[in-house]
Amino acid sequence: MPQPKLIKQALDEKPPGARALTLEAGPGIYYLYDENHSVVRYGAMNGAYYMDTLAGAAKVQGPWADVYEAVMTKRVDTWFGELKRIGGKVDLILSDFEMGDKAESFNWVRQPTADGSDPVTALLADPRWPALRAQLNARGKPYGVSFDDAAMKTMKDWTSHGWRMHVWFDVVTQGYVAVSEKRLFLSN
């Protein structure tokens, strides 16, 4: 991320109402790198990690971003706190959080594990799974899909022709985006 003082200088050249920041492209605010890596480099954002590594021998990334949220909170609060401290004014923040097709989608299940086990086994054993399952089941109910253990064990076979993949993508992606976006709004 550029230094806040450089951003303030650029924003000061713009009239009120036109002072916009964009937080997309290139290494920037969303990248975590090796602070939360799994056993195998897997996920989007060019090796930048935002998914928690689940406990257990599989050493697999899961669909949560608790570690990422803590890092993002500190990073955003620090950067925008400094911008505010030096008098920077922002009228609009544009954000583009793209994660590719592996981490947040149904392809998550295809990541390799340290012990050769099925990533779904680690997911089902995680204490956060029941809450996520409840969200998925609630979102999937209108489409006649549930996320019981048997359905999850077939995750590798989900396709875009079935509702489970779409519901998973919707619920899990919203969780990732909410982690990063809420700090931007709370900081300003």
N, C-alpha and C. Protein backbone atom coordinates (compact mmCIF):
# COMPACT_ATOMS: atom_id res chain seq x y z
N MET A 1 0.84 -1.18 0.00
CA MET A 1 0.00 0.00 0.00
C MET A 1 0.88 1.24 0.00
N PRO A 2 0.49 2.21 -0.78
CA PRO A 2 1.22 3.48 -0.76
C PRO A 2 1.09 4.15 0.61
N GLN A 3 2.05 4.99 0.90
CA GLN A 3 2.02 5.69 2.18
C GLN A 3 0.83 6.64 2.22
N PRO A 4 0.16 6.74 3.38
CA PRO A 4 -0.99 7.64 3.48
C PRO A 4 -0.68 9.08 3.07
N LYS A 5 0.52 9.56 3.36
CA LYS A 5 0.82 10.95 3.02
C LYS A 5 0.83 11.15 1.50
N LEU A 6 1.26 10.15 0.74
CA LEU A 6 1.23 10.27 -0.72
C LEU A 6 -0.20 10.25 -1.24
N ILE A 7 -1.02 9.42 -0.64
CA ILE A 7 -2.43 9.36 -1.04
C ILE A 7 -3.13 10.67 -0.68
N LYS A 8 -2.82 11.22 0.50
CA LYS A 8 -3.42 12.50 0.89
C LYS A 8 -3.07 13.58 -0.11
N GLN A 9 -1.82 13.63 -0.55
CA GLN A 9 -1.40 14.64 -1.53
C GLN A 9 -2.22 14.52 -2.81
N ALA A 10 -2.41 13.30 -3.28
CA ALA A 10 -3.19 13.09 -4.50
C ALA A 10 -4.66 13.46 -4.28
N LEU A 11 -5.21 13.09 -3.12
CA LEU A 11 -6.61 13.41 -2.84
C LEU A 11 -6.83 14.91 -2.68
N ASP A 12 -5.84 15.61 -2.14
CA ASP A 12 -5.95 17.06 -1.95
C ASP A 12 -6.07 17.80 -3.28
N GLU A 13 -5.61 17.19 -4.35
CA GLU A 13 -5.71 17.81 -5.67
C GLU A 13 -7.10 17.69 -6.27
N LYS A 14 -7.94 16.89 -5.67
CA LYS A 14 -9.30 16.65 -6.18
C LYS A 14 -10.30 17.52 -5.42
N PRO A 15 -11.35 17.96 -6.11
CA PRO A 15 -12.37 18.74 -5.41
C PRO A 15 -13.24 17.84 -4.53
N PRO A 16 -13.86 18.39 -3.49
CA PRO A 16 -14.78 17.60 -2.67
C PRO A 16 -15.81 16.89 -3.56
N GLY A 17 -16.06 15.62 -3.23
CA GLY A 17 -16.98 14.81 -4.01
C GLY A 17 -16.28 13.96 -5.05
N ALA A 18 -15.02 14.28 -5.34
CA ALA A 18 -14.27 13.53 -6.35
C ALA A 18 -13.04 12.85 -5.77
N ARG A 19 -12.94 12.82 -4.45
CA ARG A 19 -11.77 12.22 -3.79
C ARG A 19 -12.04 10.73 -3.58
N ALA A 20 -11.62 9.93 -4.53
CA ALA A 20 -11.90 8.49 -4.51
C ALA A 20 -10.61 7.69 -4.40
N LEU A 21 -10.71 6.58 -3.68
CA LEU A 21 -9.62 5.61 -3.59
C LEU A 21 -10.09 4.32 -4.23
N THR A 22 -9.18 3.64 -4.91
CA THR A 22 -9.49 2.32 -5.41
C THR A 22 -8.53 1.34 -4.76
N LEU A 23 -9.06 0.25 -4.28
CA LEU A 23 -8.27 -0.75 -3.57
C LEU A 23 -8.20 -2.03 -4.38
N GLU A 24 -7.93 -1.91 -5.66
CA GLU A 24 -7.89 -3.09 -6.50
C GLU A 24 -6.56 -3.17 -7.23
N ALA A 25 -6.28 -4.33 -7.75
CA ALA A 25 -5.10 -4.61 -8.58
C ALA A 25 -3.80 -4.56 -7.78
N GLY A 26 -2.90 -5.41 -8.15
CA GLY A 26 -1.57 -5.42 -7.58
C GLY A 26 -1.54 -5.75 -6.10
N PRO A 27 -0.33 -5.95 -5.57
CA PRO A 27 -0.21 -6.21 -4.13
C PRO A 27 -0.77 -5.03 -3.36
N GLY A 28 -1.60 -5.29 -2.45
CA GLY A 28 -2.20 -4.20 -1.72
C GLY A 28 -2.79 -4.63 -0.42
N ILE A 29 -3.83 -3.96 -0.04
CA ILE A 29 -4.41 -4.10 1.28
C ILE A 29 -4.97 -5.48 1.55
N TYR A 30 -5.43 -6.20 0.53
CA TYR A 30 -6.07 -7.49 0.74
C TYR A 30 -5.10 -8.66 0.90
N TYR A 31 -3.85 -8.48 0.59
CA TYR A 31 -2.91 -9.60 0.57
C TYR A 31 -2.38 -9.92 1.95
N LEU A 32 -2.35 -11.20 2.27
CA LEU A 32 -1.89 -11.65 3.58
C LEU A 32 -0.55 -12.37 3.49
N TYR A 33 -0.30 -13.03 2.39
CA TYR A 33 0.91 -13.80 2.17
C TYR A 33 1.03 -14.94 3.16
N ASP A 34 2.22 -15.26 3.63
CA ASP A 34 2.46 -16.49 4.37
C ASP A 34 2.07 -16.46 5.84
N GLU A 35 1.38 -15.47 6.26
CA GLU A 35 0.99 -15.40 7.67
C GLU A 35 -0.02 -16.48 8.05
N ASN A 36 -0.68 -17.07 7.07
CA ASN A 36 -1.69 -18.08 7.36
C ASN A 36 -1.71 -19.12 6.25
N HIS A 37 -0.58 -19.69 5.94
CA HIS A 37 -0.51 -20.61 4.80
C HIS A 37 -0.84 -22.04 5.19
N SER A 38 -1.30 -22.77 4.18
CA SER A 38 -1.56 -24.19 4.39
C SER A 38 -0.31 -24.96 3.99
N VAL A 39 -0.37 -26.26 4.06
CA VAL A 39 0.80 -27.08 3.74
C VAL A 39 1.20 -26.94 2.28
N VAL A 40 0.24 -26.73 1.41
CA VAL A 40 0.51 -26.60 -0.02
C VAL A 40 -0.03 -25.26 -0.46
N ARG A 41 0.74 -24.54 -1.26
CA ARG A 41 0.25 -23.25 -1.75
C ARG A 41 -1.00 -23.50 -2.58
N TYR A 42 -2.09 -23.04 -2.07
CA TYR A 42 -3.37 -23.25 -2.72
C TYR A 42 -4.24 -22.06 -2.43
N GLY A 43 -5.00 -21.66 -3.38
CA GLY A 43 -5.87 -20.51 -3.20
C GLY A 43 -5.57 -19.48 -4.25
N ALA A 44 -6.29 -18.42 -4.19
CA ALA A 44 -6.18 -17.39 -5.20
C ALA A 44 -5.24 -16.29 -4.74
N MET A 45 -5.30 -15.18 -5.38
CA MET A 45 -4.52 -14.00 -5.07
C MET A 45 -3.02 -14.30 -5.10
N ASN A 46 -2.59 -15.08 -6.08
CA ASN A 46 -1.17 -15.31 -6.32
C ASN A 46 -0.39 -15.77 -5.09
N GLY A 47 -0.94 -16.70 -4.36
CA GLY A 47 -0.25 -17.23 -3.20
C GLY A 47 -0.48 -16.44 -1.92
N ALA A 48 -1.28 -15.40 -2.00
CA ALA A 48 -1.62 -14.64 -0.80
C ALA A 48 -2.72 -15.40 -0.08
N TYR A 49 -2.61 -15.54 1.21
CA TYR A 49 -3.54 -16.39 1.95
C TYR A 49 -4.48 -15.58 2.80
N TYR A 50 -5.71 -16.04 2.84
CA TYR A 50 -6.71 -15.39 3.66
C TYR A 50 -7.60 -16.42 4.33
N MET A 51 -7.45 -17.68 3.98
CA MET A 51 -8.26 -18.74 4.58
C MET A 51 -7.52 -19.33 5.76
N ASP A 52 -8.26 -19.65 6.82
CA ASP A 52 -7.65 -20.29 7.99
C ASP A 52 -7.22 -21.71 7.65
N THR A 53 -6.08 -22.12 8.18
CA THR A 53 -5.67 -23.51 8.07
C THR A 53 -6.36 -24.27 9.19
N LEU A 54 -7.09 -25.32 8.82
CA LEU A 54 -7.85 -26.08 9.80
C LEU A 54 -6.93 -26.92 10.68
N ALA A 55 -7.35 -27.18 11.89
CA ALA A 55 -6.59 -28.03 12.80
C ALA A 55 -6.59 -29.46 12.28
N GLY A 56 -5.59 -30.21 12.67
CA GLY A 56 -5.53 -31.62 12.30
C GLY A 56 -4.42 -31.92 11.32
N ALA A 57 -4.26 -33.19 11.04
CA ALA A 57 -3.15 -33.67 10.22
C ALA A 57 -3.26 -33.26 8.76
N ALA A 58 -4.44 -32.91 8.27
CA ALA A 58 -4.62 -32.56 6.87
C ALA A 58 -3.92 -31.25 6.51
N LYS A 59 -3.82 -30.34 7.46
CA LYS A 59 -3.21 -29.02 7.23
C LYS A 59 -3.79 -28.38 5.98
N VAL A 60 -5.10 -28.32 5.93
CA VAL A 60 -5.82 -27.83 4.76
C VAL A 60 -6.49 -26.50 5.09
N GLN A 61 -6.57 -25.63 4.09
CA GLN A 61 -7.27 -24.37 4.29
C GLN A 61 -8.77 -24.62 4.29
N GLY A 62 -9.46 -23.90 5.15
CA GLY A 62 -10.91 -24.04 5.25
C GLY A 62 -11.62 -22.81 4.74
N PRO A 63 -12.93 -22.79 4.84
CA PRO A 63 -13.69 -21.66 4.31
C PRO A 63 -13.86 -20.49 5.27
N TRP A 64 -13.04 -20.43 6.31
CA TRP A 64 -13.12 -19.32 7.24
C TRP A 64 -11.93 -18.41 7.09
N ALA A 65 -12.08 -17.21 7.59
CA ALA A 65 -11.01 -16.22 7.46
C ALA A 65 -10.81 -15.46 8.77
N ASP A 66 -10.80 -16.18 9.88
CA ASP A 66 -10.67 -15.54 11.19
C ASP A 66 -9.30 -14.88 11.37
N VAL A 67 -8.24 -15.57 10.98
CA VAL A 67 -6.89 -14.99 11.07
C VAL A 67 -6.81 -13.79 10.14
N TYR A 68 -7.34 -13.94 8.95
CA TYR A 68 -7.34 -12.86 7.97
C TYR A 68 -8.09 -11.64 8.51
N GLU A 69 -9.21 -11.88 9.16
CA GLU A 69 -9.98 -10.76 9.70
C GLU A 69 -9.16 -9.97 10.72
N ALA A 70 -8.44 -10.65 11.58
CA ALA A 70 -7.62 -9.96 12.58
C ALA A 70 -6.52 -9.12 11.92
N VAL A 71 -5.88 -9.69 10.91
CA VAL A 71 -4.82 -8.96 10.20
C VAL A 71 -5.41 -7.77 9.45
N MET A 72 -6.54 -8.00 8.76
CA MET A 72 -7.18 -6.92 8.00
C MET A 72 -7.64 -5.80 8.92
N THR A 73 -8.18 -6.15 10.06
CA THR A 73 -8.64 -5.13 11.00
C THR A 73 -7.49 -4.22 11.39
N LYS A 74 -6.39 -4.81 11.77
CA LYS A 74 -5.22 -4.01 12.17
C LYS A 74 -4.69 -3.18 11.01
N ARG A 75 -4.57 -3.81 9.85
CA ARG A 75 -4.01 -3.13 8.68
C ARG A 75 -4.88 -1.95 8.24
N VAL A 76 -6.17 -2.16 8.11
CA VAL A 76 -7.06 -1.10 7.64
C VAL A 76 -7.16 0.01 8.68
N ASP A 77 -7.32 -0.37 9.94
CA ASP A 77 -7.43 0.64 10.99
C ASP A 77 -6.17 1.48 11.08
N THR A 78 -5.01 0.86 10.94
CA THR A 78 -3.74 1.59 11.01
C THR A 78 -3.59 2.54 9.83
N TRP A 79 -3.81 2.01 8.61
CA TRP A 79 -3.60 2.82 7.41
C TRP A 79 -4.58 3.99 7.33
N PHE A 80 -5.88 3.69 7.49
CA PHE A 80 -6.87 4.75 7.42
C PHE A 80 -6.81 5.67 8.64
N GLY A 81 -6.38 5.13 9.78
CA GLY A 81 -6.18 5.98 10.96
C GLY A 81 -5.12 7.02 10.71
N GLU A 82 -4.04 6.63 10.05
CA GLU A 82 -2.97 7.57 9.71
C GLU A 82 -3.45 8.59 8.69
N LEU A 83 -4.18 8.14 7.69
CA LEU A 83 -4.72 9.07 6.68
C LEU A 83 -5.62 10.10 7.36
N LYS A 84 -6.45 9.65 8.27
CA LYS A 84 -7.35 10.56 8.99
C LYS A 84 -6.54 11.50 9.87
N ARG A 85 -5.51 10.97 10.55
CA ARG A 85 -4.69 11.79 11.45
C ARG A 85 -4.03 12.95 10.72
N ILE A 86 -3.61 12.73 9.49
CA ILE A 86 -2.93 13.79 8.73
C ILE A 86 -3.91 14.65 7.92
N GLY A 87 -5.20 14.41 8.11
CA GLY A 87 -6.21 15.26 7.48
C GLY A 87 -6.68 14.81 6.11
N GLY A 88 -6.43 13.58 5.75
CA GLY A 88 -6.89 13.08 4.45
C GLY A 88 -8.40 12.92 4.41
N LYS A 89 -8.99 13.32 3.33
CA LYS A 89 -10.44 13.23 3.15
C LYS A 89 -10.74 12.32 1.96
N VAL A 90 -11.63 11.35 2.18
CA VAL A 90 -12.03 10.41 1.14
C VAL A 90 -13.55 10.48 0.99
N ASP A 91 -14.01 10.62 -0.25
CA ASP A 91 -15.45 10.66 -0.51
C ASP A 91 -15.99 9.31 -0.95
N LEU A 92 -15.14 8.50 -1.57
CA LEU A 92 -15.60 7.23 -2.12
C LEU A 92 -14.45 6.23 -2.11
N ILE A 93 -14.76 5.00 -1.69
CA ILE A 93 -13.78 3.92 -1.74
C ILE A 93 -14.32 2.86 -2.70
N LEU A 94 -13.54 2.54 -3.71
CA LEU A 94 -13.88 1.48 -4.65
C LEU A 94 -13.07 0.26 -4.27
N SER A 95 -13.75 -0.87 -4.18
CA SER A 95 -13.07 -2.08 -3.75
C SER A 95 -13.34 -3.21 -4.73
N ASP A 96 -12.31 -3.98 -5.03
CA ASP A 96 -12.44 -5.11 -5.95
C ASP A 96 -11.71 -6.28 -5.32
N PHE A 97 -12.45 -7.18 -4.74
CA PHE A 97 -11.88 -8.31 -4.03
C PHE A 97 -12.13 -9.57 -4.84
N GLU A 98 -11.19 -9.91 -5.72
CA GLU A 98 -11.32 -11.09 -6.57
C GLU A 98 -10.45 -12.20 -6.02
N MET A 99 -11.00 -13.40 -5.97
CA MET A 99 -10.27 -14.50 -5.35
C MET A 99 -10.05 -15.68 -6.27
N GLY A 100 -10.37 -15.59 -7.51
CA GLY A 100 -10.16 -16.72 -8.39
C GLY A 100 -11.21 -17.79 -8.20
N ASP A 101 -10.92 -18.99 -8.73
CA ASP A 101 -11.95 -20.02 -8.76
C ASP A 101 -11.67 -21.18 -7.81
N LYS A 102 -10.76 -21.04 -6.88
CA LYS A 102 -10.42 -22.19 -6.05
C LYS A 102 -10.86 -22.03 -4.61
N ALA A 103 -10.47 -20.96 -3.97
CA ALA A 103 -10.63 -20.85 -2.53
C ALA A 103 -12.07 -20.76 -2.09
N GLU A 104 -12.85 -19.90 -2.71
CA GLU A 104 -14.18 -19.65 -2.20
C GLU A 104 -15.25 -20.49 -2.84
N SER A 105 -14.95 -21.16 -3.92
CA SER A 105 -15.98 -21.90 -4.64
C SER A 105 -15.96 -23.37 -4.28
N PHE A 106 -16.74 -24.12 -4.98
CA PHE A 106 -16.81 -25.56 -4.72
C PHE A 106 -15.47 -26.24 -5.02
N ASN A 107 -14.58 -25.61 -5.77
CA ASN A 107 -13.26 -26.20 -6.05
C ASN A 107 -12.38 -26.24 -4.80
N TRP A 108 -12.80 -25.59 -3.73
CA TRP A 108 -12.05 -25.64 -2.47
C TRP A 108 -11.74 -27.09 -2.09
N VAL A 109 -12.64 -27.97 -2.36
CA VAL A 109 -12.52 -29.37 -1.97
C VAL A 109 -11.40 -30.09 -2.71
N ARG A 110 -10.88 -29.52 -3.76
CA ARG A 110 -9.85 -30.17 -4.58
C ARG A 110 -8.43 -29.89 -4.10
N GLN A 111 -8.28 -29.12 -3.05
CA GLN A 111 -6.93 -28.82 -2.60
C GLN A 111 -6.27 -30.05 -1.98
N PRO A 112 -4.97 -30.18 -2.16
CA PRO A 112 -4.26 -31.31 -1.56
C PRO A 112 -4.14 -31.14 -0.04
N THR A 113 -4.01 -32.27 0.63
CA THR A 113 -3.83 -32.25 2.08
C THR A 113 -2.48 -32.86 2.43
N ALA A 114 -1.99 -32.57 3.61
CA ALA A 114 -0.68 -33.07 4.04
C ALA A 114 -0.69 -34.57 4.25
N ASP A 115 -1.84 -35.13 4.63
CA ASP A 115 -1.90 -36.54 4.94
C ASP A 115 -2.69 -37.37 3.91
N GLY A 116 -3.06 -36.73 2.80
CA GLY A 116 -3.79 -37.44 1.76
C GLY A 116 -5.27 -37.65 2.04
N SER A 117 -5.77 -37.06 3.11
CA SER A 117 -7.18 -37.23 3.46
C SER A 117 -8.06 -36.31 2.61
N ASP A 118 -9.35 -36.50 2.75
CA ASP A 118 -10.33 -35.67 2.06
C ASP A 118 -10.46 -34.35 2.83
N PRO A 119 -10.31 -33.20 2.17
CA PRO A 119 -10.46 -31.92 2.87
C PRO A 119 -11.81 -31.78 3.58
N VAL A 120 -12.84 -32.43 3.07
CA VAL A 120 -14.16 -32.34 3.69
C VAL A 120 -14.15 -32.92 5.10
N THR A 121 -13.33 -33.94 5.34
CA THR A 121 -13.24 -34.53 6.67
C THR A 121 -12.78 -33.48 7.69
N ALA A 122 -11.77 -32.69 7.31
CA ALA A 122 -11.28 -31.62 8.19
C ALA A 122 -12.35 -30.54 8.37
N LEU A 123 -13.06 -30.24 7.33
CA LEU A 123 -14.12 -29.25 7.40
C LEU A 123 -15.21 -29.69 8.38
N LEU A 124 -15.67 -30.93 8.25
CA LEU A 124 -16.75 -31.43 9.11
C LEU A 124 -16.32 -31.52 10.57
N ALA A 125 -15.03 -31.65 10.84
CA ALA A 125 -14.53 -31.76 12.21
C ALA A 125 -14.31 -30.39 12.85
N ASP A 126 -14.31 -29.33 12.07
CA ASP A 126 -14.04 -28.00 12.60
C ASP A 126 -15.23 -27.53 13.46
N PRO A 127 -14.96 -26.94 14.63
CA PRO A 127 -16.06 -26.49 15.49
C PRO A 127 -16.90 -25.37 14.88
N ARG A 128 -16.40 -24.71 13.86
CA ARG A 128 -17.17 -23.63 13.21
C ARG A 128 -18.14 -24.17 12.16
N TRP A 129 -17.99 -25.46 11.78
CA TRP A 129 -18.81 -26.02 10.72
C TRP A 129 -20.31 -25.98 11.01
N PRO A 130 -20.80 -26.33 12.21
CA PRO A 130 -22.26 -26.31 12.42
C PRO A 130 -22.89 -24.94 12.12
N ALA A 131 -22.23 -23.86 12.47
CA ALA A 131 -22.78 -22.53 12.18
C ALA A 131 -22.81 -22.27 10.68
N LEU A 132 -21.73 -22.64 9.98
CA LEU A 132 -21.71 -22.46 8.53
C LEU A 132 -22.75 -23.35 7.86
N ARG A 133 -22.86 -24.58 8.35
CA ARG A 133 -23.86 -25.50 7.79
C ARG A 133 -25.27 -24.91 7.94
N ALA A 134 -25.54 -24.30 9.08
CA ALA A 134 -26.86 -23.69 9.29
C ALA A 134 -27.11 -22.58 8.27
N GLN A 135 -26.10 -21.77 8.01
CA GLN A 135 -26.24 -20.71 7.00
C GLN A 135 -26.49 -21.30 5.62
N LEU A 136 -25.71 -22.32 5.28
CA LEU A 136 -25.86 -22.97 3.98
C LEU A 136 -27.25 -23.60 3.84
N ASN A 137 -27.69 -24.31 4.88
CA ASN A 137 -29.01 -24.94 4.84
C ASN A 137 -30.12 -23.90 4.70
N ALA A 138 -30.00 -22.80 5.41
CA ALA A 138 -31.02 -21.75 5.31
C ALA A 138 -31.06 -21.17 3.90
N ARG A 139 -29.89 -20.90 3.34
CA ARG A 139 -29.83 -20.35 1.98
C ARG A 139 -30.24 -21.37 0.95
N GLY A 140 -29.98 -22.64 1.20
CA GLY A 140 -30.30 -23.70 0.24
C GLY A 140 -31.73 -24.19 0.30
N LYS A 141 -32.43 -23.90 1.38
CA LYS A 141 -33.80 -24.42 1.55
C LYS A 141 -34.73 -24.07 0.39
N PRO A 142 -34.74 -22.83 -0.10
CA PRO A 142 -35.64 -22.53 -1.22
C PRO A 142 -35.34 -23.34 -2.49
N TYR A 143 -34.13 -23.88 -2.58
CA TYR A 143 -33.72 -24.64 -3.77
C TYR A 143 -33.77 -26.15 -3.54
N GLY A 144 -34.20 -26.54 -2.35
CA GLY A 144 -34.33 -27.95 -2.04
C GLY A 144 -33.01 -28.67 -1.81
N VAL A 145 -32.00 -27.94 -1.35
CA VAL A 145 -30.71 -28.57 -1.08
C VAL A 145 -30.32 -28.39 0.38
N SER A 146 -29.64 -29.40 0.92
CA SER A 146 -29.12 -29.33 2.28
C SER A 146 -27.64 -29.67 2.24
N PHE A 147 -26.99 -29.46 3.35
CA PHE A 147 -25.55 -29.65 3.45
C PHE A 147 -25.21 -30.60 4.60
N ASP A 148 -25.89 -31.75 4.63
CA ASP A 148 -25.58 -32.77 5.62
C ASP A 148 -24.25 -33.43 5.26
N ASP A 149 -23.76 -34.30 6.13
CA ASP A 149 -22.45 -34.93 5.91
C ASP A 149 -22.40 -35.67 4.57
N ALA A 150 -23.46 -36.38 4.23
CA ALA A 150 -23.47 -37.15 2.98
C ALA A 150 -23.36 -36.22 1.77
N ALA A 151 -24.06 -35.10 1.80
CA ALA A 151 -23.99 -34.14 0.70
C ALA A 151 -22.58 -33.54 0.60
N MET A 152 -21.99 -33.26 1.75
CA MET A 152 -20.66 -32.66 1.75
C MET A 152 -19.61 -33.64 1.21
N LYS A 153 -19.78 -34.91 1.50
CA LYS A 153 -18.83 -35.91 1.00
C LYS A 153 -18.85 -36.02 -0.53
N THR A 154 -19.89 -35.51 -1.17
CA THR A 154 -19.97 -35.52 -2.64
C THR A 154 -19.53 -34.19 -3.24
N MET A 155 -18.95 -33.33 -2.45
CA MET A 155 -18.61 -31.99 -2.89
C MET A 155 -17.76 -31.97 -4.16
N LYS A 156 -16.85 -32.93 -4.31
CA LYS A 156 -16.00 -32.98 -5.51
C LYS A 156 -16.82 -33.17 -6.78
N ASP A 157 -18.03 -33.67 -6.63
CA ASP A 157 -18.88 -33.94 -7.80
C ASP A 157 -19.87 -32.82 -8.08
N TRP A 158 -19.92 -31.78 -7.25
CA TRP A 158 -20.85 -30.70 -7.49
C TRP A 158 -20.51 -30.01 -8.80
N THR A 159 -21.52 -29.55 -9.50
CA THR A 159 -21.32 -28.82 -10.76
C THR A 159 -22.18 -27.57 -10.75
N SER A 160 -21.98 -26.75 -11.74
CA SER A 160 -22.77 -25.53 -11.87
C SER A 160 -24.22 -25.84 -12.29
N HIS A 161 -24.51 -27.11 -12.56
CA HIS A 161 -25.88 -27.50 -12.90
C HIS A 161 -26.70 -27.83 -11.65
N GLY A 162 -26.08 -27.82 -10.49
CA GLY A 162 -26.78 -28.10 -9.24
C GLY A 162 -26.73 -26.90 -8.32
N TRP A 163 -27.67 -26.83 -7.40
CA TRP A 163 -27.79 -25.66 -6.52
C TRP A 163 -26.76 -25.62 -5.40
N ARG A 164 -26.24 -26.78 -4.98
CA ARG A 164 -25.31 -26.77 -3.84
C ARG A 164 -24.09 -25.89 -4.12
N MET A 165 -23.51 -26.04 -5.31
CA MET A 165 -22.33 -25.24 -5.64
C MET A 165 -22.65 -23.76 -5.59
N HIS A 166 -23.79 -23.36 -6.10
CA HIS A 166 -24.17 -21.95 -6.12
C HIS A 166 -24.42 -21.41 -4.71
N VAL A 167 -25.06 -22.20 -3.89
CA VAL A 167 -25.33 -21.77 -2.51
C VAL A 167 -24.02 -21.66 -1.74
N TRP A 168 -23.14 -22.67 -1.87
CA TRP A 168 -21.83 -22.62 -1.23
C TRP A 168 -21.08 -21.35 -1.64
N PHE A 169 -21.00 -21.13 -2.92
CA PHE A 169 -20.29 -19.97 -3.45
C PHE A 169 -20.86 -18.68 -2.88
N ASP A 170 -22.17 -18.57 -2.84
CA ASP A 170 -22.83 -17.37 -2.35
C ASP A 170 -22.54 -17.12 -0.88
N VAL A 171 -22.73 -18.12 -0.04
CA VAL A 171 -22.56 -17.96 1.40
C VAL A 171 -21.09 -17.74 1.76
N VAL A 172 -20.20 -18.57 1.24
CA VAL A 172 -18.79 -18.48 1.62
C VAL A 172 -18.15 -17.21 1.06
N THR A 173 -18.45 -16.86 -0.18
CA THR A 173 -17.89 -15.64 -0.77
C THR A 173 -18.35 -14.41 0.00
N GLN A 174 -19.61 -14.36 0.38
CA GLN A 174 -20.09 -13.22 1.16
C GLN A 174 -19.32 -13.09 2.47
N GLY A 175 -18.96 -14.22 3.06
CA GLY A 175 -18.17 -14.19 4.29
C GLY A 175 -16.80 -13.58 4.09
N TYR A 176 -16.12 -13.95 3.01
CA TYR A 176 -14.79 -13.38 2.74
C TYR A 176 -14.87 -11.88 2.48
N VAL A 177 -15.80 -11.50 1.64
CA VAL A 177 -15.92 -10.09 1.29
C VAL A 177 -16.29 -9.27 2.51
N ALA A 178 -17.18 -9.79 3.34
CA ALA A 178 -17.60 -9.07 4.54
C ALA A 178 -16.43 -8.81 5.48
N VAL A 179 -15.52 -9.77 5.56
CA VAL A 179 -14.35 -9.62 6.43
C VAL A 179 -13.54 -8.39 6.05
N SER A 180 -13.28 -8.21 4.77
CA SER A 180 -12.46 -7.08 4.35
C SER A 180 -13.25 -5.79 4.24
N GLU A 181 -14.45 -5.87 3.72
CA GLU A 181 -15.21 -4.66 3.47
C GLU A 181 -15.69 -3.97 4.74
N LYS A 182 -16.05 -4.74 5.76
CA LYS A 182 -16.59 -4.08 6.96
C LYS A 182 -15.55 -3.19 7.61
N ARG A 183 -14.27 -3.54 7.53
CA ARG A 183 -13.24 -2.69 8.12
C ARG A 183 -13.14 -1.38 7.37
N LEU A 184 -13.30 -1.40 6.06
CA LEU A 184 -13.23 -0.17 5.29
C LEU A 184 -14.32 0.81 5.71
N PHE A 185 -15.50 0.28 5.96
CA PHE A 185 -16.60 1.15 6.35
C PHE A 185 -16.47 1.62 7.79
N LEU A 186 -15.96 0.75 8.66
CA LEU A 186 -15.82 1.12 10.05
C LEU A 186 -14.67 2.12 10.27
N SER A 187 -13.71 2.12 9.34
CA SER A 187 -12.55 2.97 9.49
C SER A 187 -12.80 4.41 9.04
N ASN A 188 -13.84 4.62 8.29
CA ASN A 188 -14.03 5.94 7.68
C ASN A 188 -15.28 6.64 8.16
